[in-house]
C-alpha atoms as a PDB file:
ATOM      1  CA  MET A   1      27.023 -22.868  -9.229  1.00  0.00           C
ATOM      2  CA  GLU A   2      28.456 -25.365  -6.814  1.00  0.00           C
ATOM      3  CA  SER A   3      31.175 -27.825  -7.863  1.00  0.00           C
ATOM      4  CA  VAL A   4      32.132 -31.240  -6.573  1.00  0.00           C
ATOM      5  CA  VAL A   5      35.733 -32.362  -7.128  1.00  0.00           C
ATOM      6  CA  ALA A   6      37.093 -35.851  -6.591  1.00  0.00           C
ATOM      7  CA  LEU A   7      40.248 -37.878  -7.251  1.00  0.00           C
ATOM      8  CA  PHE A   8      40.105 -41.497  -8.423  1.00  0.00           C
ATOM      9  CA  ARG A   9      43.066 -43.975  -8.408  1.00  0.00           C
ATOM     10  CA  GLU A  10      42.035 -45.702 -11.654  1.00  0.00           C
ATOM     11  CA  PRO A  11      40.593 -44.304 -14.857  1.00  0.00           C
ATOM     12  CA  GLN A  12      37.931 -47.052 -14.823  1.00  0.00           C
ATOM     13  CA  GLN A  13      36.643 -45.720 -11.482  1.00  0.00           C
ATOM     14  CA  ALA A  14      36.421 -42.149 -12.839  1.00  0.00           C
ATOM     15  CA  GLN A  15      34.659 -43.405 -15.944  1.00  0.00           C
ATOM     16  CA  GLY A  16      32.169 -45.324 -13.809  1.00  0.00           C
ATOM     17  CA  ALA A  17      31.553 -42.208 -11.688  1.00  0.00           C
ATOM     18  CA  LEU A  18      30.971 -40.063 -14.811  1.00  0.00           C
ATOM     19  CA  GLN A  19      28.575 -42.662 -16.293  1.00  0.00           C
ATOM     20  CA  ALA A  20      26.694 -42.877 -12.946  1.00  0.00           C
ATOM     21  CA  LEU A  21      26.369 -39.074 -12.788  1.00  0.00           C
ATOM     22  CA  GLN A  22      25.006 -39.016 -16.307  1.00  0.00           C
ATOM     23  CA  GLN A  23      22.514 -41.846 -15.484  1.00  0.00           C
ATOM     24  CA  ARG A  24      21.310 -39.684 -12.520  1.00  0.00           C
ATOM     25  CA  GLY A  25      20.581 -36.819 -14.804  1.00  0.00           C
ATOM     26  CA  PHE A  26      23.765 -34.704 -14.655  1.00  0.00           C
ATOM     27  CA  GLU A  27      24.362 -33.148 -18.016  1.00  0.00           C
ATOM     28  CA  ARG A  28      27.676 -33.816 -19.919  1.00  0.00           C
ATOM     29  CA  GLU A  29      28.263 -30.057 -20.154  1.00  0.00           C
ATOM     30  CA  HIS A  30      28.439 -29.798 -16.388  1.00  0.00           C
ATOM     31  CA  LEU A  31      30.877 -32.722 -15.987  1.00  0.00           C
ATOM     32  CA  GLY A  32      34.618 -32.767 -16.587  1.00  0.00           C
ATOM     33  CA  PHE A  33      37.724 -34.800 -15.827  1.00  0.00           C
ATOM     34  CA  ALA A  34      41.443 -34.467 -16.125  1.00  0.00           C
ATOM     35  CA  LEU A  35      44.564 -36.716 -15.960  1.00  0.00           C
ATOM     36  CA  THR A  36      48.039 -36.639 -17.220  1.00  0.00           C
ATOM     37  CA  ASP A  37      47.699 -39.900 -19.323  1.00  0.00           C
ATOM     38  CA  VAL A  38      46.596 -38.743 -22.775  1.00  0.00           C
ATOM     39  CA  VAL A  39      45.629 -42.260 -23.988  1.00  0.00           C
ATOM     40  CA  ALA A  40      43.480 -42.921 -20.894  1.00  0.00           C
ATOM     41  CA  GLU A  41      42.008 -39.426 -21.142  1.00  0.00           C
ATOM     42  CA  ASN A  42      40.967 -40.124 -24.772  1.00  0.00           C
ATOM     43  CA  ASP A  43      39.470 -43.511 -23.734  1.00  0.00           C
ATOM     44  CA  ILE A  44      37.317 -41.920 -20.958  1.00  0.00           C
ATOM     45  CA  ALA A  45      36.181 -39.145 -23.271  1.00  0.00           C
ATOM     46  CA  GLN A  46      35.097 -41.689 -25.895  1.00  0.00           C
ATOM     47  CA  GLN A  47      33.330 -43.996 -23.437  1.00  0.00           C
ATOM     48  CA  THR A  48      31.476 -41.257 -21.574  1.00  0.00           C
ATOM     49  CA  GLY A  49      31.060 -38.399 -24.065  1.00  0.00           C
ATOM     50  CA  VAL A  50      32.405 -36.033 -21.379  1.00  0.00           C
ATOM     51  CA  SER A  51      35.072 -33.584 -22.531  1.00  0.00           C
ATOM     52  CA  PRO A  52      38.352 -33.382 -20.547  1.00  0.00           C
ATOM     53  CA  GLU A  53      39.062 -30.215 -18.573  1.00  0.00           C
ATOM     54  CA  ALA A  54      41.784 -28.187 -20.181  1.00  0.00           C
ATOM     55  CA  GLY A  55      42.810 -26.113 -17.096  1.00  0.00           C
ATOM     56  CA  GLN A  56      43.427 -22.441 -17.262  1.00  0.00           C
ATOM     57  CA  PRO A  57      46.026 -21.171 -19.773  1.00  0.00           C
ATOM     58  CA  ALA A  58      49.378 -20.494 -18.175  1.00  0.00           C
ATOM     59  CA  GLY A  59      48.927 -16.788 -18.941  1.00  0.00           C
ATOM     60  CA  SER A  60      51.411 -14.010 -19.068  1.00  0.00           C
ATOM     61  CA  ALA A  61      53.372 -15.161 -16.071  1.00  0.00           C
ATOM     62  CA  ALA A  62      54.596 -18.182 -17.982  1.00  0.00           C
ATOM     63  CA  VAL A  63      55.549 -15.982 -20.941  1.00  0.00           C
ATOM     64  CA  ILE A  64      57.515 -13.577 -18.650  1.00  0.00           C
ATOM     65  CA  LYS A  65      59.200 -16.380 -16.757  1.00  0.00           C
ATOM     66  CA  GLY A  66      60.233 -18.070 -20.035  1.00  0.00           C
ATOM     67  CA  ALA A  67      61.542 -14.837 -21.483  1.00  0.00           C
ATOM     68  CA  LEU A  68      63.641 -14.105 -18.354  1.00  0.00           C
ATOM     69  CA  LEU A  69      65.019 -17.582 -18.321  1.00  0.00           C
ATOM     70  CA  GLY A  70      65.779 -17.273 -22.046  1.00  0.00           C
ATOM     71  CA  ILE A  71      67.619 -14.014 -21.421  1.00  0.00           C
ATOM     72  CA  VAL A  72      69.651 -15.561 -18.626  1.00  0.00           C
ATOM     73  CA  GLY A  73      70.489 -18.440 -20.909  1.00  0.00           C
ATOM     74  CA  GLY A  74      71.483 -16.192 -23.727  1.00  0.00           C
ATOM     75  CA  LEU A  75      73.698 -14.146 -21.364  1.00  0.00           C
ATOM     76  CA  ALA A  76      75.295 -17.357 -19.925  1.00  0.00           C
ATOM     77  CA  ILE A  77      76.286 -18.519 -23.421  1.00  0.00           C
ATOM     78  CA  THR A  78      77.494 -15.298 -24.982  1.00  0.00           C
ATOM     79  CA  VAL A  79      79.113 -13.294 -22.162  1.00  0.00           C
ATOM     80  CA  PRO A  80      81.916 -15.832 -21.505  1.00  0.00           C
ATOM     81  CA  ILE A  81      82.782 -15.772 -25.242  1.00  0.00           C
ATOM     82  CA  TRP A  82      82.819 -12.002 -25.243  1.00  0.00           C
ATOM     83  CA  LEU A  83      85.024 -11.987 -22.115  1.00  0.00           C
ATOM     84  CA  LEU A  84      87.472 -14.286 -23.847  1.00  0.00           C
ATOM     85  CA  LEU A  85      87.573 -11.959 -26.837  1.00  0.00           C
ATOM     86  CA  LEU A  86      88.523  -9.151 -24.440  1.00  0.00           C
ATOM     87  CA  ILE A  87      91.107 -11.151 -22.481  1.00  0.00           C
ATOM     88  CA  ILE A  88      93.092 -12.693 -25.345  1.00  0.00           C
ATOM     89  CA  PRO A  89      95.140  -9.908 -26.975  1.00  0.00           C
ATOM     90  CA  VAL A  90      94.978 -11.282 -30.465  1.00  0.00           C
ATOM     91  CA  THR A  91      91.146 -11.422 -30.467  1.00  0.00           C
ATOM     92  CA  ARG A  92      90.478  -7.978 -29.050  1.00  0.00           C
ATOM     93  CA  ILE A  93      89.779  -6.607 -32.509  1.00  0.00           C
ATOM     94  CA  TYR A  94      86.624  -8.838 -32.436  1.00  0.00           C
ATOM     95  CA  GLN A  95      85.219  -7.372 -29.229  1.00  0.00           C
ATOM     96  CA  GLU A  96      82.527  -5.327 -30.989  1.00  0.00           C
ATOM     97  CA  GLY A  97      81.356  -8.452 -32.776  1.00  0.00           C
ATOM     98  CA  GLY A  98      81.370 -10.259 -29.406  1.00  0.00           C
ATOM     99  CA  LEU A  99      79.220  -7.483 -27.939  1.00  0.00           C
ATOM    100  CA  LEU A 100      76.752  -7.834 -30.882  1.00  0.00           C
ATOM    101  CA  GLY A 101      76.702 -11.563 -30.136  1.00  0.00           C
ATOM    102  CA  VAL A 102      75.669 -10.834 -26.545  1.00  0.00           C
ATOM    103  CA  LEU A 103      72.917  -8.578 -27.801  1.00  0.00           C
ATOM    104  CA  PHE A 104      71.647 -11.203 -30.256  1.00  0.00           C
ATOM    105  CA  GLY A 105      71.946 -13.862 -27.514  1.00  0.00           C
ATOM    106  CA  VAL A 106      69.670 -11.777 -25.216  1.00  0.00           C
ATOM    107  CA  ILE A 107      67.183 -11.050 -27.947  1.00  0.00           C
ATOM    108  CA  GLY A 108      67.082 -14.630 -29.223  1.00  0.00           C
ATOM    109  CA  GLY A 109      66.997 -16.094 -25.762  1.00  0.00           C
ATOM    110  CA  GLY A 110      64.226 -13.853 -24.600  1.00  0.00           C
ATOM    111  CA  THR A 111      62.200 -14.498 -27.774  1.00  0.00           C
ATOM    112  CA  LEU A 112      62.563 -18.268 -27.602  1.00  0.00           C
ATOM    113  CA  GLY A 113      62.058 -18.353 -23.898  1.00  0.00           C
ATOM    114  CA  GLY A 114      58.884 -16.352 -24.184  1.00  0.00           C
ATOM    115  CA  MET A 115      57.518 -18.689 -26.868  1.00  0.00           C
ATOM    116  CA  PHE A 116      58.298 -21.770 -24.855  1.00  0.00           C
ATOM    117  CA  GLY A 117      56.773 -20.101 -21.828  1.00  0.00           C
ATOM    118  CA  ALA A 118      53.583 -19.562 -23.767  1.00  0.00           C
ATOM    119  CA  LEU A 119      53.501 -23.104 -24.912  1.00  0.00           C
ATOM    120  CA  ALA A 120      54.287 -24.563 -21.515  1.00  0.00           C
ATOM    121  CA  GLY A 121      50.716 -23.936 -20.207  1.00  0.00           C
ATOM    122  CA  SER A 122      48.992 -25.160 -23.371  1.00  0.00           C
ATOM    123  CA  ASP A 123      49.394 -28.920 -22.842  1.00  0.00           C
ATOM    124  CA  HIS A 124      47.733 -29.322 -19.426  1.00  0.00           C
ATOM    125  CA  GLY A 125      47.090 -25.845 -18.354  1.00  0.00           C
ATOM    126  CA  ASP A 126      46.957 -24.541 -14.850  1.00  0.00           C
ATOM    127  CA  TYR A 127      44.539 -26.756 -12.862  1.00  0.00           C
ATOM    128  CA  VAL A 128      45.148 -24.939  -9.589  1.00  0.00           C
ATOM    129  CA  ASN A 129      43.788 -21.703 -11.102  1.00  0.00           C
ATOM    130  CA  LEU A 130      40.883 -23.615 -12.567  1.00  0.00           C
ATOM    131  CA  LEU A 131      40.017 -25.138  -9.116  1.00  0.00           C
ATOM    132  CA  ARG A 132      40.474 -21.707  -7.421  1.00  0.00           C
ATOM    133  CA  ARG A 133      38.025 -20.076  -9.847  1.00  0.00           C
ATOM    134  CA  MET A 134      35.546 -22.811  -8.942  1.00  0.00           C
ATOM    135  CA  GLY A 135      35.880 -21.846  -5.236  1.00  0.00           C
ATOM    136  CA  VAL A 136      38.333 -24.511  -4.046  1.00  0.00           C
ATOM    137  CA  PRO A 137      40.691 -23.148  -1.364  1.00  0.00           C
ATOM    138  CA  ALA A 138      44.289 -22.704  -2.538  1.00  0.00           C
ATOM    139  CA  ALA A 139      45.728 -25.400  -0.290  1.00  0.00           C
ATOM    140  CA  GLN A 140      43.234 -27.936  -1.451  1.00  0.00           C
ATOM    141  CA  ALA A 141      43.575 -26.980  -5.084  1.00  0.00           C
ATOM    142  CA  GLU A 142      47.356 -27.576  -4.754  1.00  0.00           C
ATOM    143  CA  LYS A 143      46.695 -31.007  -3.250  1.00  0.00           C
ATOM    144  CA  PHE A 144      44.209 -31.962  -5.968  1.00  0.00           C
ATOM    145  CA  TYR A 145      46.773 -31.079  -8.560  1.00  0.00           C
ATOM    146  CA  ALA A 146      49.540 -32.944  -6.741  1.00  0.00           C
ATOM    147  CA  GLY A 147      47.299 -35.970  -6.745  1.00  0.00           C
ATOM    148  CA  MET A 148      46.614 -35.597 -10.403  1.00  0.00           C
ATOM    149  CA  LYS A 149      50.287 -35.292 -11.174  1.00  0.00           C
ATOM    150  CA  GLY A 150      50.796 -38.501  -9.135  1.00  0.00           C
ATOM    151  CA  GLY A 151      48.586 -40.400 -11.560  1.00  0.00           C
ATOM    152  CA  HIS A 152      45.046 -39.960 -10.140  1.00  0.00           C
ATOM    153  CA  VAL A 153      42.110 -38.895 -12.215  1.00  0.00           C
ATOM    154  CA  MET A 154      40.310 -35.707 -11.170  1.00  0.00           C
ATOM    155  CA  VAL A 155      36.546 -35.654 -11.822  1.00  0.00           C
ATOM    156  CA  ILE A 156      34.470 -32.450 -11.598  1.00  0.00           C
ATOM    157  CA  ALA A 157      30.684 -32.213 -11.417  1.00  0.00           C
ATOM    158  CA  ARG A 158      29.120 -28.739 -11.549  1.00  0.00           C
ATOM    159  CA  ASP A 159      25.665 -28.282 -10.129  1.00  0.00           C
ATOM    160  CA  PRO A 160      24.080 -24.990 -11.424  1.00  0.00           C
ATOM    161  CA  SER A 161      21.344 -24.978  -8.789  1.00  0.00           C
ATOM    162  CA  GLY A 162      23.464 -26.278  -5.884  1.00  0.00           C
ATOM    163  CA  ALA A 163      20.596 -28.705  -4.929  1.00  0.00           C
ATOM    164  CA  ARG A 164      22.254 -31.903  -6.221  1.00  0.00           C
ATOM    165  CA  ALA A 165      25.848 -31.460  -5.055  1.00  0.00           C
ATOM    166  CA  ASP A 166      25.462 -33.843  -2.187  1.00  0.00           C
ATOM    167  CA  GLU A 167      24.081 -36.469  -4.590  1.00  0.00           C
ATOM    168  CA  ALA A 168      27.071 -35.999  -6.889  1.00  0.00           C
ATOM    169  CA  LEU A 169      29.454 -36.258  -3.873  1.00  0.00           C
ATOM    170  CA  SER A 170      27.758 -39.518  -2.777  1.00  0.00           C
ATOM    171  CA  LEU A 171      28.006 -40.992  -6.198  1.00  0.00           C
ATOM    172  CA  MET A 172      31.628 -40.169  -6.476  1.00  0.00           C
ATOM    173  CA  ARG A 173      32.427 -41.695  -3.099  1.00  0.00           C
ATOM    174  CA  LYS A 174      30.466 -44.800  -4.112  1.00  0.00           C
ATOM    175  CA  HIS A 175      32.586 -45.206  -7.172  1.00  0.00           C
ATOM    176  CA  GLY A 176      35.906 -45.002  -5.262  1.00  0.00           C
ATOM    177  CA  ALA A 177      36.859 -41.348  -4.753  1.00  0.00           C
ATOM    178  CA  VAL A 178      39.972 -41.503  -2.564  1.00  0.00           C
ATOM    179  CA  ARG A 179      40.733 -39.555   0.557  1.00  0.00           C
ATOM    180  CA  LEU A 180      43.080 -36.567   0.050  1.00  0.00           C
ATOM    181  CA  ASP A 181      45.396 -37.696   2.867  1.00  0.00           C
ATOM    182  CA  ASP A 182      45.773 -41.084   1.115  1.00  0.00           C
ATOM    183  CA  VAL A 183      46.958 -39.315  -1.992  1.00  0.00           C
ATOM    184  CA  VAL A 184      49.284 -36.547  -0.666  1.00  0.00           C
ATOM    185  CA  GLY A 185      49.863 -37.341   2.966  1.00  0.00           C
ATOM    186  CA  ALA A 186      47.357 -35.261   5.005  1.00  0.00           C
ATOM    187  CA  GLY A 187      44.107 -33.444   4.513  1.00  0.00           C
ATOM    188  CA  GLN A 188      40.381 -33.955   4.054  1.00  0.00           C
ATOM    189  CA  LEU A 189      38.272 -36.330   2.134  1.00  0.00           C
ATOM    190  CA  GLN A 190      39.498 -36.322  -1.479  1.00  0.00           C
ATOM    191  CA  SER A 191      36.058 -35.525  -2.786  1.00  0.00           C
ATOM    192  CA  GLU A 192      34.826 -32.211  -1.679  1.00  0.00           C
ATOM    193  CA  ARG A 193      32.004 -29.792  -2.361  1.00  0.00           C
ATOM    194  CA  HIS A 194      32.783 -26.196  -3.423  1.00  0.00           C
END
């Protein structure tokens, strides 16, 4: 399966490209789009009948990163208090309770951090991994995602046979696909075949 990926400045341009692709016989199941504006995303989905791309889930790396940050946060909050309990002579009798506070801070911080890490990828997902799995080189996938975060709309057309990818690319360019160097500073034409 060959994929064509393009960025558009305006949601209306992306919507026009999706409608033109459908008129030329591309099935809705093989089309997708993504943008960071939820309202515009909903409008495009309703007007075209094309489902937005969800991106790849953040995966275990986000959970681990969140848990580690939570543990560091828990330690940053509880260790100074425990040290104060050790330093001040009157409060030394509470040092065991302070140590338990550190333990609960680590457990609670790690748990909450892991949960927030798991949720972090569920809103937009990881579009770089999604594009990489479609065959887009890593550097280009990063640029596409940077353009999307900058307010552009990403449109994806998948061609199961690979015979109509050039047609999809031509239609996207006709409807305003922007050059990658115009979006992020340097690179190739924003709409590419992969």
